[in-house]
mmCIF file of all heavy atoms, coordinates in Angstrom:
data_MODEL
# 
_entry.id   MODEL 
# 
loop_
_atom_site.group_PDB 
_atom_site.id 
_atom_site.type_symbol 
_atom_site.label_atom_id 
_atom_site.label_alt_id 
_atom_site.label_comp_id 
_atom_site.label_asym_id 
_atom_site.label_entity_id 
_atom_site.label_seq_id 
_atom_site.pdbx_PDB_ins_code 
_atom_site.Cartn_x 
_atom_site.Cartn_y 
_atom_site.Cartn_z 
_atom_site.occupancy 
_atom_site.B_iso_or_equiv 
_atom_site.pdbx_formal_charge 
_atom_site.auth_seq_id 
_atom_site.auth_comp_id 
_atom_site.auth_asym_id 
_atom_site.auth_atom_id 
_atom_site.pdbx_PDB_model_num 
ATOM 1   N N   . GLY A 1 1  ? 0.826   -1.196 -0.006  1.00 0.00 ? 1  GLY A N   1 
ATOM 2   C CA  . GLY A 1 1  ? 0.009   0.000  0.009   1.00 0.00 ? 1  GLY A CA  1 
ATOM 3   C C   . GLY A 1 1  ? 0.835   1.199  -0.011  1.00 0.00 ? 1  GLY A C   1 
ATOM 4   O O   . GLY A 1 1  ? 2.050   1.223  -0.454  1.00 0.00 ? 1  GLY A O   1 
ATOM 5   N N   . ILE A 1 2  ? 0.304   2.309  0.511   1.00 0.00 ? 2  ILE A N   1 
ATOM 6   C CA  . ILE A 1 2  ? 0.984   3.610  0.502   1.00 0.00 ? 2  ILE A CA  1 
ATOM 7   C C   . ILE A 1 2  ? 1.313   3.998  1.871   1.00 0.00 ? 2  ILE A C   1 
ATOM 8   O O   . ILE A 1 2  ? 0.453   3.788  2.796   1.00 0.00 ? 2  ILE A O   1 
ATOM 9   C CB  . ILE A 1 2  ? 0.103   4.645  -0.274  1.00 0.00 ? 2  ILE A CB  1 
ATOM 10  C CG1 . ILE A 1 2  ? 0.931   5.864  -0.553  1.00 0.00 ? 2  ILE A CG1 1 
ATOM 11  C CG2 . ILE A 1 2  ? -1.098  5.032  0.431   1.00 0.00 ? 2  ILE A CG2 1 
ATOM 12  C CD1 . ILE A 1 2  ? 0.317   6.753  -1.624  1.00 0.00 ? 2  ILE A CD1 1 
ATOM 13  N N   . GLU A 1 3  ? 2.436   4.623  2.091   1.00 0.00 ? 3  GLU A N   1 
ATOM 14  C CA  . GLU A 1 3  ? 2.880   4.983  3.478   1.00 0.00 ? 3  GLU A CA  1 
ATOM 15  C C   . GLU A 1 3  ? 2.127   6.228  3.904   1.00 0.00 ? 3  GLU A C   1 
ATOM 16  O O   . GLU A 1 3  ? 2.090   7.248  3.241   1.00 0.00 ? 3  GLU A O   1 
ATOM 17  C CB  . GLU A 1 3  ? 4.366   5.145  3.472   1.00 0.00 ? 3  GLU A CB  1 
ATOM 18  C CG  . GLU A 1 3  ? 4.904   5.408  4.863   1.00 0.00 ? 3  GLU A CG  1 
ATOM 19  C CD  . GLU A 1 3  ? 6.448   5.571  4.911   1.00 0.00 ? 3  GLU A CD  1 
ATOM 20  O OE1 . GLU A 1 3  ? 7.107   4.672  4.318   1.00 0.00 ? 3  GLU A OE1 1 
ATOM 21  O OE2 . GLU A 1 3  ? 6.946   6.525  5.456   1.00 0.00 ? 3  GLU A OE2 1 
ATOM 22  N N   . ILE A 1 4  ? 1.480   6.118  5.121   1.00 0.00 ? 4  ILE A N   1 
ATOM 23  C CA  . ILE A 1 4  ? 0.744   7.215  5.698   1.00 0.00 ? 4  ILE A CA  1 
ATOM 24  C C   . ILE A 1 4  ? 0.994   7.221  7.166   1.00 0.00 ? 4  ILE A C   1 
ATOM 25  O O   . ILE A 1 4  ? 1.622   6.402  7.760   1.00 0.00 ? 4  ILE A O   1 
ATOM 26  C CB  . ILE A 1 4  ? -0.696  7.118  5.341   1.00 0.00 ? 4  ILE A CB  1 
ATOM 27  C CG1 . ILE A 1 4  ? -1.325  5.693  5.697   1.00 0.00 ? 4  ILE A CG1 1 
ATOM 28  C CG2 . ILE A 1 4  ? -1.030  7.441  3.867   1.00 0.00 ? 4  ILE A CG2 1 
ATOM 29  C CD1 . ILE A 1 4  ? -1.810  5.506  7.022   1.00 0.00 ? 4  ILE A CD1 1 
ATOM 30  N N   . ASP A 1 5  ? 0.403   8.247  7.853   1.00 0.00 ? 5  ASP A N   1 
ATOM 31  C CA  . ASP A 1 5  ? 0.283   8.234  9.314   1.00 0.00 ? 5  ASP A CA  1 
ATOM 32  C C   . ASP A 1 5  ? -1.123  7.820  9.662   1.00 0.00 ? 5  ASP A C   1 
ATOM 33  O O   . ASP A 1 5  ? -2.106  8.385  9.191   1.00 0.00 ? 5  ASP A O   1 
ATOM 34  C CB  . ASP A 1 5  ? 0.587   9.561  9.833   1.00 0.00 ? 5  ASP A CB  1 
ATOM 35  C CG  . ASP A 1 5  ? 2.087   9.920  9.788   1.00 0.00 ? 5  ASP A CG  1 
ATOM 36  O OD1 . ASP A 1 5  ? 2.876   8.995  9.799   1.00 0.00 ? 5  ASP A OD1 1 
ATOM 37  O OD2 . ASP A 1 5  ? 2.474   11.147 9.729   1.00 0.00 ? 5  ASP A OD2 1 
ATOM 38  N N   . PHE A 1 6  ? -1.257  6.881  10.596  1.00 0.00 ? 6  PHE A N   1 
ATOM 39  C CA  . PHE A 1 6  ? -2.535  6.421  11.042  1.00 0.00 ? 6  PHE A CA  1 
ATOM 40  C C   . PHE A 1 6  ? -2.489  6.444  12.555  1.00 0.00 ? 6  PHE A C   1 
ATOM 41  O O   . PHE A 1 6  ? -1.707  5.781  13.147  1.00 0.00 ? 6  PHE A O   1 
ATOM 42  C CB  . PHE A 1 6  ? -2.877  5.027  10.569  1.00 0.00 ? 6  PHE A CB  1 
ATOM 43  C CG  . PHE A 1 6  ? -4.210  4.541  10.964  1.00 0.00 ? 6  PHE A CG  1 
ATOM 44  C CD1 . PHE A 1 6  ? -5.401  5.050  10.408  1.00 0.00 ? 6  PHE A CD1 1 
ATOM 45  C CD2 . PHE A 1 6  ? -4.410  3.634  11.962  1.00 0.00 ? 6  PHE A CD2 1 
ATOM 46  C CE1 . PHE A 1 6  ? -6.654  4.621  10.762  1.00 0.00 ? 6  PHE A CE1 1 
ATOM 47  C CE2 . PHE A 1 6  ? -5.636  3.127  12.368  1.00 0.00 ? 6  PHE A CE2 1 
ATOM 48  C CZ  . PHE A 1 6  ? -6.750  3.652  11.719  1.00 0.00 ? 6  PHE A CZ  1 
ATOM 49  N N   . LEU A 1 7  ? -3.390  7.219  13.213  1.00 0.00 ? 7  LEU A N   1 
ATOM 50  C CA  . LEU A 1 7  ? -3.340  7.403  14.660  1.00 0.00 ? 7  LEU A CA  1 
ATOM 51  C C   . LEU A 1 7  ? -2.020  7.887  15.103  1.00 0.00 ? 7  LEU A C   1 
ATOM 52  O O   . LEU A 1 7  ? -1.556  7.623  16.229  1.00 0.00 ? 7  LEU A O   1 
ATOM 53  C CB  . LEU A 1 7  ? -3.762  6.135  15.405  1.00 0.00 ? 7  LEU A CB  1 
ATOM 54  C CG  . LEU A 1 7  ? -5.261  5.714  15.151  1.00 0.00 ? 7  LEU A CG  1 
ATOM 55  C CD1 . LEU A 1 7  ? -5.431  4.315  15.801  1.00 0.00 ? 7  LEU A CD1 1 
ATOM 56  C CD2 . LEU A 1 7  ? -6.129  6.687  15.893  1.00 0.00 ? 7  LEU A CD2 1 
ATOM 57  N N   . GLY A 1 8  ? -1.341  8.677  14.235  1.00 0.00 ? 8  GLY A N   1 
ATOM 58  C CA  . GLY A 1 8  ? -0.068  9.258  14.659  1.00 0.00 ? 8  GLY A CA  1 
ATOM 59  C C   . GLY A 1 8  ? 1.099   8.314  14.437  1.00 0.00 ? 8  GLY A C   1 
ATOM 60  O O   . GLY A 1 8  ? 2.256   8.625  14.714  1.00 0.00 ? 8  GLY A O   1 
ATOM 61  N N   . ILE A 1 9  ? 0.892   7.071  13.888  1.00 0.00 ? 9  ILE A N   1 
ATOM 62  C CA  . ILE A 1 9  ? 1.892   6.116  13.651  1.00 0.00 ? 9  ILE A CA  1 
ATOM 63  C C   . ILE A 1 9  ? 2.109   5.815  12.195  1.00 0.00 ? 9  ILE A C   1 
ATOM 64  O O   . ILE A 1 9  ? 1.149   5.688  11.434  1.00 0.00 ? 9  ILE A O   1 
ATOM 65  C CB  . ILE A 1 9  ? 1.465   4.750  14.357  1.00 0.00 ? 9  ILE A CB  1 
ATOM 66  C CG1 . ILE A 1 9  ? 1.002   5.006  15.821  1.00 0.00 ? 9  ILE A CG1 1 
ATOM 67  C CG2 . ILE A 1 9  ? 2.632   3.767  14.336  1.00 0.00 ? 9  ILE A CG2 1 
ATOM 68  C CD1 . ILE A 1 9  ? 2.030   5.576  16.781  1.00 0.00 ? 9  ILE A CD1 1 
ATOM 69  N N   . LYS A 1 10 ? 3.367   5.719  11.786  1.00 0.00 ? 10 LYS A N   1 
ATOM 70  C CA  . LYS A 1 10 ? 3.641   5.402  10.356  1.00 0.00 ? 10 LYS A CA  1 
ATOM 71  C C   . LYS A 1 10 ? 3.173   4.029  10.045  1.00 0.00 ? 10 LYS A C   1 
ATOM 72  O O   . LYS A 1 10 ? 3.477   3.036  10.730  1.00 0.00 ? 10 LYS A O   1 
ATOM 73  C CB  . LYS A 1 10 ? 5.184   5.491  10.114  1.00 0.00 ? 10 LYS A CB  1 
ATOM 74  C CG  . LYS A 1 10 ? 5.483   5.289  8.635   1.00 0.00 ? 10 LYS A CG  1 
ATOM 75  C CD  . LYS A 1 10 ? 7.010   5.553  8.333   1.00 0.00 ? 10 LYS A CD  1 
ATOM 76  C CE  . LYS A 1 10 ? 7.882   4.474  8.906   1.00 0.00 ? 10 LYS A CE  1 
ATOM 77  N NZ  . LYS A 1 10 ? 9.310   4.577  8.459   1.00 0.00 ? 10 LYS A NZ  1 
ATOM 78  N N   . ASP A 1 11 ? 2.435   3.818  8.891   1.00 0.00 ? 11 ASP A N   1 
ATOM 79  C CA  . ASP A 1 11 ? 1.967   2.555  8.497   1.00 0.00 ? 11 ASP A CA  1 
ATOM 80  C C   . ASP A 1 11 ? 1.581   2.621  7.068   1.00 0.00 ? 11 ASP A C   1 
ATOM 81  O O   . ASP A 1 11 ? 1.755   3.608  6.396   1.00 0.00 ? 11 ASP A O   1 
ATOM 82  C CB  . ASP A 1 11 ? 0.786   2.055  9.337   1.00 0.00 ? 11 ASP A CB  1 
ATOM 83  C CG  . ASP A 1 11 ? 0.830   0.591  9.607   1.00 0.00 ? 11 ASP A CG  1 
ATOM 84  O OD1 . ASP A 1 11 ? 1.063   -0.147 8.628   1.00 0.00 ? 11 ASP A OD1 1 
ATOM 85  O OD2 . ASP A 1 11 ? 0.577   0.078  10.703  1.00 0.00 ? 11 ASP A OD2 1 
ATOM 86  N N   . LEU A 1 12 ? 1.096   1.412  6.542   1.00 0.00 ? 12 LEU A N   1 
ATOM 87  C CA  . LEU A 1 12 ? 0.680   1.347  5.150   1.00 0.00 ? 12 LEU A CA  1 
ATOM 88  C C   . LEU A 1 12 ? -0.865  1.370  5.138   1.00 0.00 ? 12 LEU A C   1 
ATOM 89  O O   . LEU A 1 12 ? -1.502  0.918  5.974   1.00 0.00 ? 12 LEU A O   1 
ATOM 90  C CB  . LEU A 1 12 ? 1.160   0.107  4.483   1.00 0.00 ? 12 LEU A CB  1 
ATOM 91  C CG  . LEU A 1 12 ? 2.666   -0.037 4.382   1.00 0.00 ? 12 LEU A CG  1 
ATOM 92  C CD1 . LEU A 1 12 ? 3.005   -1.362 3.684   1.00 0.00 ? 12 LEU A CD1 1 
ATOM 93  C CD2 . LEU A 1 12 ? 3.325   1.053  3.638   1.00 0.00 ? 12 LEU A CD2 1 
ATOM 94  N N   . ALA A 1 13 ? -1.404  1.894  3.994   1.00 0.00 ? 13 ALA A N   1 
ATOM 95  C CA  . ALA A 1 13 ? -2.870  1.973  3.862   1.00 0.00 ? 13 ALA A CA  1 
ATOM 96  C C   . ALA A 1 13 ? -3.222  1.719  2.364   1.00 0.00 ? 13 ALA A C   1 
ATOM 97  O O   . ALA A 1 13 ? -2.380  2.024  1.516   1.00 0.00 ? 13 ALA A O   1 
ATOM 98  C CB  . ALA A 1 13 ? -3.458  3.315  4.375   1.00 0.00 ? 13 ALA A CB  1 
ATOM 99  N N   . THR A 1 14 ? -4.408  1.252  2.128   1.00 0.00 ? 14 THR A N   1 
ATOM 100 C CA  . THR A 1 14 ? -4.848  1.057  0.783   1.00 0.00 ? 14 THR A CA  1 
ATOM 101 C C   . THR A 1 14 ? -5.008  2.434  0.093   1.00 0.00 ? 14 THR A C   1 
ATOM 102 O O   . THR A 1 14 ? -5.464  3.361  0.684   1.00 0.00 ? 14 THR A O   1 
ATOM 103 C CB  . THR A 1 14 ? -6.139  0.310  0.705   1.00 0.00 ? 14 THR A CB  1 
ATOM 104 O OG1 . THR A 1 14 ? -6.563  0.209  -0.697  1.00 0.00 ? 14 THR A OG1 1 
ATOM 105 C CG2 . THR A 1 14 ? -7.301  0.961  1.516   1.00 0.00 ? 14 THR A CG2 1 
ATOM 106 N N   . ASP A 1 15 ? -4.613  2.476  -1.186  1.00 0.00 ? 15 ASP A N   1 
ATOM 107 C CA  . ASP A 1 15 ? -4.816  3.687  -1.941  1.00 0.00 ? 15 ASP A CA  1 
ATOM 108 C C   . ASP A 1 15 ? -5.857  3.523  -3.016  1.00 0.00 ? 15 ASP A C   1 
ATOM 109 O O   . ASP A 1 15 ? -6.051  4.366  -3.858  1.00 0.00 ? 15 ASP A O   1 
ATOM 110 C CB  . ASP A 1 15 ? -3.492  4.175  -2.607  1.00 0.00 ? 15 ASP A CB  1 
ATOM 111 C CG  . ASP A 1 15 ? -2.906  3.147  -3.570  1.00 0.00 ? 15 ASP A CG  1 
ATOM 112 O OD1 . ASP A 1 15 ? -3.507  2.078  -3.755  1.00 0.00 ? 15 ASP A OD1 1 
ATOM 113 O OD2 . ASP A 1 15 ? -1.780  3.430  -4.108  1.00 0.00 ? 15 ASP A OD2 1 
ATOM 114 N N   . SER A 1 16 ? -6.606  2.406  -2.961  1.00 0.00 ? 16 SER A N   1 
ATOM 115 C CA  . SER A 1 16 ? -7.586  2.065  -4.010  1.00 0.00 ? 16 SER A CA  1 
ATOM 116 C C   . SER A 1 16 ? -8.671  3.101  -4.016  1.00 0.00 ? 16 SER A C   1 
ATOM 117 O O   . SER A 1 16 ? -9.166  3.460  -5.109  1.00 0.00 ? 16 SER A O   1 
ATOM 118 C CB  . SER A 1 16 ? -8.162  0.686  -3.745  1.00 0.00 ? 16 SER A CB  1 
ATOM 119 O OG  . SER A 1 16 ? -8.835  0.621  -2.483  1.00 0.00 ? 16 SER A OG  1 
ATOM 120 N N   . THR A 1 17 ? -9.151  3.598  -2.899  1.00 0.00 ? 17 THR A N   1 
ATOM 121 C CA  . THR A 1 17 ? -10.178 4.541  -2.893  1.00 0.00 ? 17 THR A CA  1 
ATOM 122 C C   . THR A 1 17 ? -9.739  5.866  -3.479  1.00 0.00 ? 17 THR A C   1 
ATOM 123 O O   . THR A 1 17 ? -10.527 6.570  -4.169  1.00 0.00 ? 17 THR A O   1 
ATOM 124 C CB  . THR A 1 17 ? -10.660 4.780  -1.407  1.00 0.00 ? 17 THR A CB  1 
ATOM 125 O OG1 . THR A 1 17 ? -9.586  5.058  -0.576  1.00 0.00 ? 17 THR A OG1 1 
ATOM 126 C CG2 . THR A 1 17 ? -11.413 3.586  -0.891  1.00 0.00 ? 17 THR A CG2 1 
ATOM 127 N N   . SER A 1 18 ? -8.526  6.243  -3.279  1.00 0.00 ? 18 SER A N   1 
ATOM 128 C CA  . SER A 1 18 ? -7.956  7.440  -3.803  1.00 0.00 ? 18 SER A CA  1 
ATOM 129 C C   . SER A 1 18 ? -7.892  7.386  -5.325  1.00 0.00 ? 18 SER A C   1 
ATOM 130 O O   . SER A 1 18 ? -8.241  8.331  -6.062  1.00 0.00 ? 18 SER A O   1 
ATOM 131 C CB  . SER A 1 18 ? -6.622  7.807  -3.191  1.00 0.00 ? 18 SER A CB  1 
ATOM 132 O OG  . SER A 1 18 ? -6.730  7.917  -1.875  1.00 0.00 ? 18 SER A OG  1 
ATOM 133 N N   . ARG A 1 19 ? -7.406  6.241  -5.761  1.00 0.00 ? 19 ARG A N   1 
ATOM 134 C CA  . ARG A 1 19 ? -7.211  6.093  -7.252  1.00 0.00 ? 19 ARG A CA  1 
ATOM 135 C C   . ARG A 1 19 ? -8.683  6.136  -7.936  1.00 0.00 ? 19 ARG A C   1 
ATOM 136 O O   . ARG A 1 19 ? -8.735  6.715  -9.020  1.00 0.00 ? 19 ARG A O   1 
ATOM 137 C CB  . ARG A 1 19 ? -6.507  4.727  -7.573  1.00 0.00 ? 19 ARG A CB  1 
ATOM 138 C CG  . ARG A 1 19 ? -5.105  4.773  -7.087  1.00 0.00 ? 19 ARG A CG  1 
ATOM 139 C CD  . ARG A 1 19 ? -4.406  3.462  -7.440  1.00 0.00 ? 19 ARG A CD  1 
ATOM 140 N NE  . ARG A 1 19 ? -2.991  3.426  -6.944  1.00 0.00 ? 19 ARG A NE  1 
ATOM 141 C CZ  . ARG A 1 19 ? -1.966  3.909  -7.676  1.00 0.00 ? 19 ARG A CZ  1 
ATOM 142 N NH1 . ARG A 1 19 ? -2.152  4.579  -8.809  1.00 0.00 ? 19 ARG A NH1 1 
ATOM 143 N NH2 . ARG A 1 19 ? -0.704  3.891  -7.117  1.00 0.00 ? 19 ARG A NH2 1 
ATOM 144 N N   . MET A 1 20 ? -9.609  5.457  -7.363  1.00 0.00 ? 20 MET A N   1 
ATOM 145 C CA  . MET A 1 20 ? -10.907 5.427  -7.932  1.00 0.00 ? 20 MET A CA  1 
ATOM 146 C C   . MET A 1 20 ? -11.598 6.749  -7.890  1.00 0.00 ? 20 MET A C   1 
ATOM 147 O O   . MET A 1 20 ? -12.218 7.183  -8.889  1.00 0.00 ? 20 MET A O   1 
ATOM 148 C CB  . MET A 1 20 ? -11.805 4.404  -7.195  1.00 0.00 ? 20 MET A CB  1 
ATOM 149 C CG  . MET A 1 20 ? -11.347 2.917  -7.367  1.00 0.00 ? 20 MET A CG  1 
ATOM 150 S SD  . MET A 1 20 ? -11.512 2.291  -9.082  1.00 0.00 ? 20 MET A SD  1 
ATOM 151 C CE  . MET A 1 20 ? -13.296 2.378  -9.251  1.00 0.00 ? 20 MET A CE  1 
ATOM 152 N N   . ALA A 1 21 ? -11.370 7.487  -6.831  1.00 0.00 ? 21 ALA A N   1 
ATOM 153 C CA  . ALA A 1 21 ? -11.992 8.799  -6.724  1.00 0.00 ? 21 ALA A CA  1 
ATOM 154 C C   . ALA A 1 21 ? -11.446 9.772  -7.769  1.00 0.00 ? 21 ALA A C   1 
ATOM 155 O O   . ALA A 1 21 ? -12.149 10.520 -8.373  1.00 0.00 ? 21 ALA A O   1 
ATOM 156 C CB  . ALA A 1 21 ? -11.779 9.392  -5.336  1.00 0.00 ? 21 ALA A CB  1 
ATOM 157 N N   . LEU A 1 22 ? -10.146 9.666  -7.948  1.00 0.00 ? 22 LEU A N   1 
ATOM 158 C CA  . LEU A 1 22 ? -9.492  10.618 -8.939  1.00 0.00 ? 22 LEU A CA  1 
ATOM 159 C C   . LEU A 1 22 ? -9.775  10.195 -10.335 1.00 0.00 ? 22 LEU A C   1 
ATOM 160 O O   . LEU A 1 22 ? -10.009 11.049 -11.192 1.00 0.00 ? 22 LEU A O   1 
ATOM 161 C CB  . LEU A 1 22 ? -7.957  10.635 -8.740  1.00 0.00 ? 22 LEU A CB  1 
ATOM 162 C CG  . LEU A 1 22 ? -7.478  11.279 -7.397  1.00 0.00 ? 22 LEU A CG  1 
ATOM 163 C CD1 . LEU A 1 22 ? -6.085  11.031 -7.116  1.00 0.00 ? 22 LEU A CD1 1 
ATOM 164 C CD2 . LEU A 1 22 ? -7.729  12.818 -7.490  1.00 0.00 ? 22 LEU A CD2 1 
ATOM 165 N N   . LYS A 1 23 ? -9.849  8.910  -10.626 1.00 0.00 ? 23 LYS A N   1 
ATOM 166 C CA  . LYS A 1 23 ? -10.103 8.416  -11.938 1.00 0.00 ? 23 LYS A CA  1 
ATOM 167 C C   . LYS A 1 23 ? -11.557 8.652  -12.372 1.00 0.00 ? 23 LYS A C   1 
ATOM 168 O O   . LYS A 1 23 ? -11.764 9.029  -13.495 1.00 0.00 ? 23 LYS A O   1 
ATOM 169 C CB  . LYS A 1 23 ? -9.803  6.915  -12.046 1.00 0.00 ? 23 LYS A CB  1 
ATOM 170 C CG  . LYS A 1 23 ? -10.035 6.279  -13.377 1.00 0.00 ? 23 LYS A CG  1 
ATOM 171 C CD  . LYS A 1 23 ? -9.633  4.776  -13.362 1.00 0.00 ? 23 LYS A CD  1 
ATOM 172 C CE  . LYS A 1 23 ? -9.842  4.179  -14.684 1.00 0.00 ? 23 LYS A CE  1 
ATOM 173 N NZ  . LYS A 1 23 ? -9.113  4.666  -15.821 1.00 0.00 ? 23 LYS A NZ  1 
ATOM 174 N N   . PHE A 1 24 ? -12.503 8.476  -11.511 1.00 0.00 ? 24 PHE A N   1 
ATOM 175 C CA  . PHE A 1 24 ? -13.873 8.627  -11.846 1.00 0.00 ? 24 PHE A CA  1 
ATOM 176 C C   . PHE A 1 24 ? -14.603 9.855  -11.279 1.00 0.00 ? 24 PHE A C   1 
ATOM 177 O O   . PHE A 1 24 ? -15.766 9.988  -11.384 1.00 0.00 ? 24 PHE A O   1 
ATOM 178 C CB  . PHE A 1 24 ? -14.620 7.380  -11.351 1.00 0.00 ? 24 PHE A CB  1 
ATOM 179 C CG  . PHE A 1 24 ? -14.240 6.141  -12.094 1.00 0.00 ? 24 PHE A CG  1 
ATOM 180 C CD1 . PHE A 1 24 ? -13.304 5.253  -11.638 1.00 0.00 ? 24 PHE A CD1 1 
ATOM 181 C CD2 . PHE A 1 24 ? -14.928 5.746  -13.315 1.00 0.00 ? 24 PHE A CD2 1 
ATOM 182 C CE1 . PHE A 1 24 ? -12.962 4.121  -12.334 1.00 0.00 ? 24 PHE A CE1 1 
ATOM 183 C CE2 . PHE A 1 24 ? -14.567 4.656  -14.000 1.00 0.00 ? 24 PHE A CE2 1 
ATOM 184 C CZ  . PHE A 1 24 ? -13.603 3.802  -13.515 1.00 0.00 ? 24 PHE A CZ  1 
ATOM 185 N N   . ASP A 1 25 ? -13.777 10.800 -10.784 1.00 0.00 ? 25 ASP A N   1 
ATOM 186 C CA  . ASP A 1 25 ? -14.375 12.090 -10.207 1.00 0.00 ? 25 ASP A CA  1 
ATOM 187 C C   . ASP A 1 25 ? -15.433 11.678 -9.202  1.00 0.00 ? 25 ASP A C   1 
ATOM 188 O O   . ASP A 1 25 ? -16.530 12.282 -9.117  1.00 0.00 ? 25 ASP A O   1 
ATOM 189 C CB  . ASP A 1 25 ? -14.957 12.882 -11.337 1.00 0.00 ? 25 ASP A CB  1 
ATOM 190 C CG  . ASP A 1 25 ? -15.430 14.256 -10.900 1.00 0.00 ? 25 ASP A CG  1 
ATOM 191 O OD1 . ASP A 1 25 ? -14.773 14.835 -9.974  1.00 0.00 ? 25 ASP A OD1 1 
ATOM 192 O OD2 . ASP A 1 25 ? -16.489 14.770 -11.301 1.00 0.00 ? 25 ASP A OD2 1 
ATOM 193 N N   . ALA A 1 26 ? -15.119 10.716 -8.280  1.00 0.00 ? 26 ALA A N   1 
ATOM 194 C CA  . ALA A 1 26 ? -16.088 10.223 -7.319  1.00 0.00 ? 26 ALA A CA  1 
ATOM 195 C C   . ALA A 1 26 ? -15.923 11.063 -6.076  1.00 0.00 ? 26 ALA A C   1 
ATOM 196 O O   . ALA A 1 26 ? -14.919 11.622 -5.718  1.00 0.00 ? 26 ALA A O   1 
ATOM 197 C CB  . ALA A 1 26 ? -15.907 8.766  -7.045  1.00 0.00 ? 26 ALA A CB  1 
ATOM 198 N N   . ILE A 1 27 ? -17.093 11.081 -5.317  1.00 0.00 ? 27 ILE A N   1 
ATOM 199 C CA  . ILE A 1 27 ? -17.060 11.694 -3.962  1.00 0.00 ? 27 ILE A CA  1 
ATOM 200 C C   . ILE A 1 27 ? -16.907 10.635 -2.932  1.00 0.00 ? 27 ILE A C   1 
ATOM 201 O O   . ILE A 1 27 ? -17.484 9.590  -2.974  1.00 0.00 ? 27 ILE A O   1 
ATOM 202 C CB  . ILE A 1 27 ? -18.362 12.526 -3.742  1.00 0.00 ? 27 ILE A CB  1 
ATOM 203 C CG1 . ILE A 1 27 ? -18.208 13.463 -2.559  1.00 0.00 ? 27 ILE A CG1 1 
ATOM 204 C CG2 . ILE A 1 27 ? -19.551 11.654 -3.736  1.00 0.00 ? 27 ILE A CG2 1 
ATOM 205 C CD1 . ILE A 1 27 ? -19.208 14.491 -2.477  1.00 0.00 ? 27 ILE A CD1 1 
# 
């Protein structure tokens, strides 16, 4: 996944929702 901060801790998270939102102009 993609490196992010979650609850103040460095970790990985899915970026699928971001890719879909940007690709399809989704909310």
